[in-house]
Amino acid sequence: MSLRIIIKSAQIRGWIGERNGQPARRRDTDADLAVLFDGDKADYETLSIDELVESMKANHLVLLVDQEAGKTFHKFVQHG
């Protein structure tokens, strides 16, 4: 596992796009973010990358990812 923190919109867009993911947020929340890789989950609503990045900024979150090709491990972590 090769972990890396990404915060820039272009980096987030690239990581999610390379893995065919979809940004999402648990319904009726502001900060419970995820990247979906297996299609829709009933309790999540999809977001655009821009909406995801704005929500990350508003909630002081960074995205911790496994940067190895094909790996989908990710976690939104609060900072500051």
PDB file of N, CA and C in Angstrom:
ATOM      1  N   MET A   1       0.856  -1.174   0.000  1.00  0.00           N
ATOM      2  CA  MET A   1       0.000   0.000   0.000  1.00  0.00           C
ATOM      3  C   MET A   1       0.898   1.231   0.000  1.00  0.00           C
ATOM      4  N   SER A   2       0.574   2.161  -0.865  1.00  0.00           N
ATOM      5  CA  SER A   2       1.323   3.401  -0.981  1.00  0.00           C
ATOM      6  C   SER A   2       0.358   4.562  -0.776  1.00  0.00           C
ATOM      7  N   LEU A   3       0.289   5.068   0.452  1.00  0.00           N
ATOM      8  CA  LEU A   3      -0.692   6.090   0.797  1.00  0.00           C
ATOM      9  C   LEU A   3      -0.198   7.490   0.486  1.00  0.00           C
ATOM     10  N   ARG A   4      -1.152   8.340   0.132  1.00  0.00           N
ATOM     11  CA  ARG A   4      -0.844   9.728  -0.214  1.00  0.00           C
ATOM     12  C   ARG A   4      -2.076  10.570   0.112  1.00  0.00           C
ATOM     13  N   ILE A   5      -1.859  11.787   0.560  1.00  0.00           N
ATOM     14  CA  ILE A   5      -2.949  12.731   0.787  1.00  0.00           C
ATOM     15  C   ILE A   5      -3.074  13.603  -0.451  1.00  0.00           C
ATOM     16  N   ILE A   6      -4.303  13.727  -0.955  1.00  0.00           N
ATOM     17  CA  ILE A   6      -4.536  14.620  -2.086  1.00  0.00           C
ATOM     18  C   ILE A   6      -5.615  15.630  -1.707  1.00  0.00           C
ATOM     19  N   ILE A   7      -5.398  16.880  -2.149  1.00  0.00           N
ATOM     20  CA  ILE A   7      -6.348  17.945  -1.816  1.00  0.00           C
ATOM     21  C   ILE A   7      -6.721  18.790  -3.028  1.00  0.00           C
ATOM     22  N   LYS A   8      -5.908  18.757  -4.058  1.00  0.00           N
ATOM     23  CA  LYS A   8      -6.172  19.582  -5.234  1.00  0.00           C
ATOM     24  C   LYS A   8      -7.217  18.931  -6.124  1.00  0.00           C
ATOM     25  N   SER A   9      -8.088  19.775  -6.668  1.00  0.00           N
ATOM     26  CA  SER A   9      -9.186  19.304  -7.501  1.00  0.00           C
ATOM     27  C   SER A   9      -8.707  18.402  -8.638  1.00  0.00           C
ATOM     28  N   ALA A  10      -7.645  18.787  -9.323  1.00  0.00           N
ATOM     29  CA  ALA A  10      -7.140  17.995 -10.457  1.00  0.00           C
ATOM     30  C   ALA A  10      -6.642  16.628 -10.004  1.00  0.00           C
ATOM     31  N   GLN A  11      -5.995  16.567  -8.840  1.00  0.00           N
ATOM     32  CA  GLN A  11      -5.512  15.296  -8.314  1.00  0.00           C
ATOM     33  C   GLN A  11      -6.684  14.384  -7.938  1.00  0.00           C
ATOM     34  N   ILE A  12      -7.687  14.962  -7.299  1.00  0.00           N
ATOM     35  CA  ILE A  12      -8.863  14.197  -6.897  1.00  0.00           C
ATOM     36  C   ILE A  12      -9.592  13.688  -8.135  1.00  0.00           C
ATOM     37  N   ARG A  13      -9.782  14.564  -9.116  1.00  0.00           N
ATOM     38  CA  ARG A  13     -10.447  14.192 -10.367  1.00  0.00           C
ATOM     39  C   ARG A  13      -9.698  13.043 -11.047  1.00  0.00           C
ATOM     40  N   GLY A  14      -8.369  13.147 -11.103  1.00  0.00           N
ATOM     41  CA  GLY A  14      -7.559  12.107 -11.738  1.00  0.00           C
ATOM     42  C   GLY A  14      -7.646  10.779 -11.019  1.00  0.00           C
ATOM     43  N   TRP A  15      -7.522  10.804  -9.698  1.00  0.00           N
ATOM     44  CA  TRP A  15      -7.544   9.555  -8.924  1.00  0.00           C
ATOM     45  C   TRP A  15      -8.891   8.851  -9.073  1.00  0.00           C
ATOM     46  N   ILE A  16      -9.983   9.603  -8.930  1.00  0.00           N
ATOM     47  CA  ILE A  16     -11.319   9.014  -9.047  1.00  0.00           C
ATOM     48  C   ILE A  16     -11.567   8.535 -10.480  1.00  0.00           C
ATOM     49  N   GLY A  17     -11.202   9.351 -11.459  1.00  0.00           N
ATOM     50  CA  GLY A  17     -11.431   9.001 -12.859  1.00  0.00           C
ATOM     51  C   GLY A  17     -10.666   7.764 -13.302  1.00  0.00           C
ATOM     52  N   GLU A  18      -9.420   7.636 -12.853  1.00  0.00           N
ATOM     53  CA  GLU A  18      -8.604   6.475 -13.222  1.00  0.00           C
ATOM     54  C   GLU A  18      -9.193   5.172 -12.698  1.00  0.00           C
ATOM     55  N   ARG A  19     -10.000   5.272 -11.653  1.00  0.00           N
ATOM     56  CA  ARG A  19     -10.565   4.076 -11.022  1.00  0.00           C
ATOM     57  C   ARG A  19     -12.068   3.925 -11.293  1.00  0.00           C
ATOM     58  N   ASN A  20     -12.570   4.767 -12.175  1.00  0.00           N
ATOM     59  CA  ASN A  20     -14.000   4.742 -12.530  1.00  0.00           C
ATOM     60  C   ASN A  20     -14.905   4.883 -11.313  1.00  0.00           C
ATOM     61  N   GLY A  21     -14.527   5.767 -10.408  1.00  0.00           N
ATOM     62  CA  GLY A  21     -15.328   6.010  -9.211  1.00  0.00           C
ATOM     63  C   GLY A  21     -16.328   7.126  -9.421  1.00  0.00           C
ATOM     64  N   GLN A  22     -17.199   7.287  -8.449  1.00  0.00           N
ATOM     65  CA  GLN A  22     -18.207   8.353  -8.471  1.00  0.00           C
ATOM     66  C   GLN A  22     -18.252   8.997  -7.090  1.00  0.00           C
ATOM     67  N   PRO A  23     -17.956  10.305  -6.993  1.00  0.00           N
ATOM     68  CA  PRO A  23     -18.070  10.984  -5.701  1.00  0.00           C
ATOM     69  C   PRO A  23     -19.507  10.932  -5.200  1.00  0.00           C
ATOM     70  N   ALA A  24     -19.657  10.824  -3.891  1.00  0.00           N
ATOM     71  CA  ALA A  24     -20.996  10.736  -3.314  1.00  0.00           C
ATOM     72  C   ALA A  24     -20.992  11.265  -1.884  1.00  0.00           C
ATOM     73  N   ARG A  25     -22.206  11.528  -1.409  1.00  0.00           N
ATOM     74  CA  ARG A  25     -22.400  11.985  -0.032  1.00  0.00           C
ATOM     75  C   ARG A  25     -23.622  11.261   0.515  1.00  0.00           C
ATOM     76  N   ARG A  26     -23.512  10.849   1.767  1.00  0.00           N
ATOM     77  CA  ARG A  26     -24.670  10.206   2.405  1.00  0.00           C
ATOM     78  C   ARG A  26     -25.806  11.229   2.450  1.00  0.00           C
ATOM     79  N   ARG A  27     -26.994  10.777   2.086  1.00  0.00           N
ATOM     80  CA  ARG A  27     -28.153  11.676   2.048  1.00  0.00           C
ATOM     81  C   ARG A  27     -28.375  12.342   3.405  1.00  0.00           C
ATOM     82  N   ASP A  28     -28.769  13.600   3.350  1.00  0.00           N
ATOM     83  CA  ASP A  28     -29.089  14.395   4.540  1.00  0.00           C
ATOM     84  C   ASP A  28     -27.893  14.665   5.441  1.00  0.00           C
ATOM     85  N   THR A  29     -26.681  14.650   4.862  1.00  0.00           N
ATOM     86  CA  THR A  29     -25.475  15.020   5.614  1.00  0.00           C
ATOM     87  C   THR A  29     -24.657  15.998   4.780  1.00  0.00           C
ATOM     88  N   ASP A  30     -23.728  16.654   5.430  1.00  0.00           N
ATOM     89  CA  ASP A  30     -22.820  17.552   4.713  1.00  0.00           C
ATOM     90  C   ASP A  30     -21.432  16.965   4.577  1.00  0.00           C
ATOM     91  N   ALA A  31     -21.028  16.137   5.518  1.00  0.00           N
ATOM     92  CA  ALA A  31     -19.628  15.739   5.570  1.00  0.00           C
ATOM     93  C   ALA A  31     -19.371  14.241   5.409  1.00  0.00           C
ATOM     94  N   ASP A  32     -20.386  13.418   5.300  1.00  0.00           N
ATOM     95  CA  ASP A  32     -20.175  11.973   5.174  1.00  0.00           C
ATOM     96  C   ASP A  32     -19.967  11.643   3.700  1.00  0.00           C
ATOM     97  N   LEU A  33     -18.722  11.827   3.240  1.00  0.00           N
ATOM     98  CA  LEU A  33     -18.376  11.676   1.829  1.00  0.00           C
ATOM     99  C   LEU A  33     -17.828  10.293   1.533  1.00  0.00           C
ATOM    100  N   ALA A  34     -17.928   9.896   0.280  1.00  0.00           N
ATOM    101  CA  ALA A  34     -17.392   8.606  -0.158  1.00  0.00           C
ATOM    102  C   ALA A  34     -17.122   8.675  -1.654  1.00  0.00           C
ATOM    103  N   VAL A  35     -16.355   7.708  -2.121  1.00  0.00           N
ATOM    104  CA  VAL A  35     -16.209   7.482  -3.554  1.00  0.00           C
ATOM    105  C   VAL A  35     -16.763   6.086  -3.798  1.00  0.00           C
ATOM    106  N   LEU A  36     -17.774   6.003  -4.640  1.00  0.00           N
ATOM    107  CA  LEU A  36     -18.421   4.726  -4.929  1.00  0.00           C
ATOM    108  C   LEU A  36     -17.770   4.085  -6.138  1.00  0.00           C
ATOM    109  N   PHE A  37     -17.508   2.785  -6.048  1.00  0.00           N
ATOM    110  CA  PHE A  37     -16.880   2.048  -7.153  1.00  0.00           C
ATOM    111  C   PHE A  37     -17.768   0.930  -7.669  1.00  0.00           C
ATOM    112  N   ASP A  38     -18.794   0.588  -6.933  1.00  0.00           N
ATOM    113  CA  ASP A  38     -19.646  -0.540  -7.310  1.00  0.00           C
ATOM    114  C   ASP A  38     -21.062  -0.095  -7.624  1.00  0.00           C
ATOM    115  N   GLY A  39     -21.224   1.085  -8.204  1.00  0.00           N
ATOM    116  CA  GLY A  39     -22.561   1.568  -8.520  1.00  0.00           C
ATOM    117  C   GLY A  39     -23.182   2.314  -7.368  1.00  0.00           C
ATOM    118  N   ASP A  40     -24.463   2.520  -7.470  1.00  0.00           N
ATOM    119  CA  ASP A  40     -25.190   3.318  -6.488  1.00  0.00           C
ATOM    120  C   ASP A  40     -25.371   2.578  -5.167  1.00  0.00           C
ATOM    121  N   LYS A  41     -25.374   3.360  -4.113  1.00  0.00           N
ATOM    122  CA  LYS A  41     -25.776   2.867  -2.802  1.00  0.00           C
ATOM    123  C   LYS A  41     -27.003   3.677  -2.425  1.00  0.00           C
ATOM    124  N   ALA A  42     -28.023   3.034  -1.952  1.00  0.00           N
ATOM    125  CA  ALA A  42     -29.316   3.677  -1.713  1.00  0.00           C
ATOM    126  C   ALA A  42     -29.227   4.893  -0.796  1.00  0.00           C
ATOM    127  N   ASP A  43     -28.332   4.858   0.175  1.00  0.00           N
ATOM    128  CA  ASP A  43     -28.275   5.960   1.132  1.00  0.00           C
ATOM    129  C   ASP A  43     -27.293   7.062   0.733  1.00  0.00           C
ATOM    130  N   TYR A  44     -26.753   6.993  -0.491  1.00  0.00           N
ATOM    131  CA  TYR A  44     -25.828   8.020  -0.987  1.00  0.00           C
ATOM    132  C   TYR A  44     -26.390   8.701  -2.216  1.00  0.00           C
ATOM    133  N   GLU A  45     -26.056   9.985  -2.361  1.00  0.00           N
ATOM    134  CA  GLU A  45     -26.380  10.732  -3.566  1.00  0.00           C
ATOM    135  C   GLU A  45     -25.075  11.103  -4.261  1.00  0.00           C
ATOM    136  N   THR A  46     -25.053  11.021  -5.572  1.00  0.00           N
ATOM    137  CA  THR A  46     -23.827  11.311  -6.305  1.00  0.00           C
ATOM    138  C   THR A  46     -23.565  12.809  -6.346  1.00  0.00           C
ATOM    139  N   LEU A  47     -22.286  13.146  -6.455  1.00  0.00           N
ATOM    140  CA  LEU A  47     -21.822  14.529  -6.519  1.00  0.00           C
ATOM    141  C   LEU A  47     -20.919  14.701  -7.725  1.00  0.00           C
ATOM    142  N   SER A  48     -20.759  15.929  -8.150  1.00  0.00           N
ATOM    143  CA  SER A  48     -19.718  16.234  -9.135  1.00  0.00           C
ATOM    144  C   SER A  48     -18.401  16.370  -8.375  1.00  0.00           C
ATOM    145  N   ILE A  49     -17.296  16.346  -9.099  1.00  0.00           N
ATOM    146  CA  ILE A  49     -15.991  16.554  -8.454  1.00  0.00           C
ATOM    147  C   ILE A  49     -15.962  17.913  -7.768  1.00  0.00           C
ATOM    148  N   ASP A  50     -16.491  18.940  -8.438  1.00  0.00           N
ATOM    149  CA  ASP A  50     -16.501  20.291  -7.856  1.00  0.00           C
ATOM    150  C   ASP A  50     -17.294  20.327  -6.548  1.00  0.00           C
ATOM    151  N   GLU A  51     -18.444  19.655  -6.508  1.00  0.00           N
ATOM    152  CA  GLU A  51     -19.239  19.601  -5.276  1.00  0.00           C
ATOM    153  C   GLU A  51     -18.484  18.865  -4.178  1.00  0.00           C
ATOM    154  N   LEU A  52     -17.797  17.794  -4.553  1.00  0.00           N
ATOM    155  CA  LEU A  52     -17.001  17.038  -3.588  1.00  0.00           C
ATOM    156  C   LEU A  52     -15.904  17.910  -2.994  1.00  0.00           C
ATOM    157  N   VAL A  53     -15.165  18.599  -3.851  1.00  0.00           N
ATOM    158  CA  VAL A  53     -14.062  19.450  -3.392  1.00  0.00           C
ATOM    159  C   VAL A  53     -14.589  20.574  -2.501  1.00  0.00           C
ATOM    160  N   GLU A  54     -15.707  21.188  -2.865  1.00  0.00           N
ATOM    161  CA  GLU A  54     -16.287  22.253  -2.037  1.00  0.00           C
ATOM    162  C   GLU A  54     -16.701  21.712  -0.662  1.00  0.00           C
ATOM    163  N   SER A  55     -17.288  20.530  -0.630  1.00  0.00           N
ATOM    164  CA  SER A  55     -17.675  19.929   0.635  1.00  0.00           C
ATOM    165  C   SER A  55     -16.448  19.589   1.481  1.00  0.00           C
ATOM    166  N   MET A  56     -15.387  19.126   0.820  1.00  0.00           N
ATOM    167  CA  MET A  56     -14.143  18.846   1.539  1.00  0.00           C
ATOM    168  C   MET A  56     -13.593  20.123   2.166  1.00  0.00           C
ATOM    169  N   LYS A  57     -13.593  21.208   1.416  1.00  0.00           N
ATOM    170  CA  LYS A  57     -13.091  22.487   1.942  1.00  0.00           C
ATOM    171  C   LYS A  57     -13.944  22.968   3.105  1.00  0.00           C
ATOM    172  N   ALA A  58     -15.255  22.922   2.937  1.00  0.00           N
ATOM    173  CA  ALA A  58     -16.169  23.416   3.964  1.00  0.00           C
ATOM    174  C   ALA A  58     -16.046  22.630   5.266  1.00  0.00           C
ATOM    175  N   ASN A  59     -15.694  21.364   5.161  1.00  0.00           N
ATOM    176  CA  ASN A  59     -15.616  20.494   6.340  1.00  0.00           C
ATOM    177  C   ASN A  59     -14.187  20.171   6.755  1.00  0.00           C
ATOM    178  N   HIS A  60     -13.222  20.883   6.158  1.00  0.00           N
ATOM    179  CA  HIS A  60     -11.802  20.723   6.501  1.00  0.00           C
ATOM    180  C   HIS A  60     -11.332  19.278   6.357  1.00  0.00           C
ATOM    181  N   LEU A  61     -11.605  18.691   5.180  1.00  0.00           N
ATOM    182  CA  LEU A  61     -11.239  17.311   4.915  1.00  0.00           C
ATOM    183  C   LEU A  61     -10.173  17.220   3.834  1.00  0.00           C
ATOM    184  N   VAL A  62      -9.330  16.205   3.951  1.00  0.00           N
ATOM    185  CA  VAL A  62      -8.390  15.839   2.892  1.00  0.00           C
ATOM    186  C   VAL A  62      -8.725  14.399   2.509  1.00  0.00           C
ATOM    187  N   LEU A  63      -8.224  13.993   1.343  1.00  0.00           N
ATOM    188  CA  LEU A  63      -8.499  12.638   0.858  1.00  0.00           C
ATOM    189  C   LEU A  63      -7.221  11.817   0.924  1.00  0.00           C
ATOM    190  N   LEU A  64      -7.230  10.789   1.747  1.00  0.00           N
ATOM    191  CA  LEU A  64      -6.117   9.851   1.872  1.00  0.00           C
ATOM    192  C   LEU A  64      -6.397   8.695   0.931  1.00  0.00           C
ATOM    193  N   VAL A  65      -5.468   8.411   0.012  1.00  0.00           N
ATOM    194  CA  VAL A  65      -5.697   7.373  -0.995  1.00  0.00           C
ATOM    195  C   VAL A  65      -4.496   6.446  -1.118  1.00  0.00           C
ATOM    196  N   ASP A  66      -4.768   5.260  -1.630  1.00  0.00           N
ATOM    197  CA  ASP A  66      -3.703   4.354  -2.051  1.00  0.00           C
ATOM    198  C   ASP A  66      -3.420   4.714  -3.499  1.00  0.00           C
ATOM    199  N   GLN A  67      -2.214   5.156  -3.780  1.00  0.00           N
ATOM    200  CA  GLN A  67      -1.907   5.644  -5.120  1.00  0.00           C
ATOM    201  C   GLN A  67      -1.459   4.555  -6.092  1.00  0.00           C
ATOM    202  N   GLU A  68      -1.389   3.292  -5.644  1.00  0.00           N
ATOM    203  CA  GLU A  68      -1.035   2.211  -6.561  1.00  0.00           C
ATOM    204  C   GLU A  68      -2.153   2.028  -7.587  1.00  0.00           C
ATOM    205  N   ALA A  69      -1.768   1.786  -8.823  1.00  0.00           N
ATOM    206  CA  ALA A  69      -2.741   1.636  -9.911  1.00  0.00           C
ATOM    207  C   ALA A  69      -3.777   0.568  -9.576  1.00  0.00           C
ATOM    208  N   GLY A  70      -5.033   0.906  -9.784  1.00  0.00           N
ATOM    209  CA  GLY A  70      -6.116  -0.038  -9.576  1.00  0.00           C
ATOM    210  C   GLY A  70      -6.603  -0.164  -8.141  1.00  0.00           C
ATOM    211  N   LYS A  71      -5.875   0.368  -7.178  1.00  0.00           N
ATOM    212  CA  LYS A  71      -6.283   0.284  -5.772  1.00  0.00           C
ATOM    213  C   LYS A  71      -7.321   1.358  -5.481  1.00  0.00           C
ATOM    214  N   THR A  72      -8.342   1.016  -4.711  1.00  0.00           N
ATOM    215  CA  THR A  72      -9.421   1.958  -4.451  1.00  0.00           C
ATOM    216  C   THR A  72      -9.545   2.376  -2.985  1.00  0.00           C
ATOM    217  N   PHE A  73      -8.584   1.987  -2.141  1.00  0.00           N
ATOM    218  CA  PHE A  73      -8.657   2.405  -0.744  1.00  0.00           C
ATOM    219  C   PHE A  73      -8.642   3.931  -0.684  1.00  0.00           C
ATOM    220  N   HIS A  74      -9.573   4.481   0.085  1.00  0.00           N
ATOM    221  CA  HIS A  74      -9.620   5.920   0.294  1.00  0.00           C
ATOM    222  C   HIS A  74     -10.307   6.207   1.622  1.00  0.00           C
ATOM    223  N   LYS A  75      -9.972   7.357   2.176  1.00  0.00           N
ATOM    224  CA  LYS A  75     -10.586   7.777   3.434  1.00  0.00           C
ATOM    225  C   LYS A  75     -10.551   9.291   3.494  1.00  0.00           C
ATOM    226  N   PHE A  76     -11.660   9.889   3.862  1.00  0.00           N
ATOM    227  CA  PHE A  76     -11.713  11.336   4.062  1.00  0.00           C
ATOM    228  C   PHE A  76     -11.319  11.596   5.511  1.00  0.00           C
ATOM    229  N   VAL A  77     -10.329  12.464   5.709  1.00  0.00           N
ATOM    230  CA  VAL A  77      -9.757  12.695   7.020  1.00  0.00           C
ATOM    231  C   VAL A  77      -9.828  14.188   7.343  1.00  0.00           C
ATOM    232  N   GLN A  78     -10.259  14.508   8.568  1.00  0.00           N
ATOM    233  CA  GLN A  78     -10.327  15.903   8.974  1.00  0.00           C
ATOM    234  C   GLN A  78      -8.931  16.432   9.301  1.00  0.00           C
ATOM    235  N   HIS A  79      -8.673  17.659   8.888  1.00  0.00           N
ATOM    236  CA  HIS A  79      -7.389  18.291   9.191  1.00  0.00           C
ATOM    237  C   HIS A  79      -7.643  19.684   9.742  1.00  0.00           C
ATOM    238  N   GLY A  80      -6.607  20.226  10.408  1.00  0.00           N
ATOM    239  CA  GLY A  80      -6.660  21.603  10.889  1.00  0.00           C
ATOM    240  C   GLY A  80      -7.633  21.758  11.952  1.00  0.00           C
TER     241      GLY A  80
END
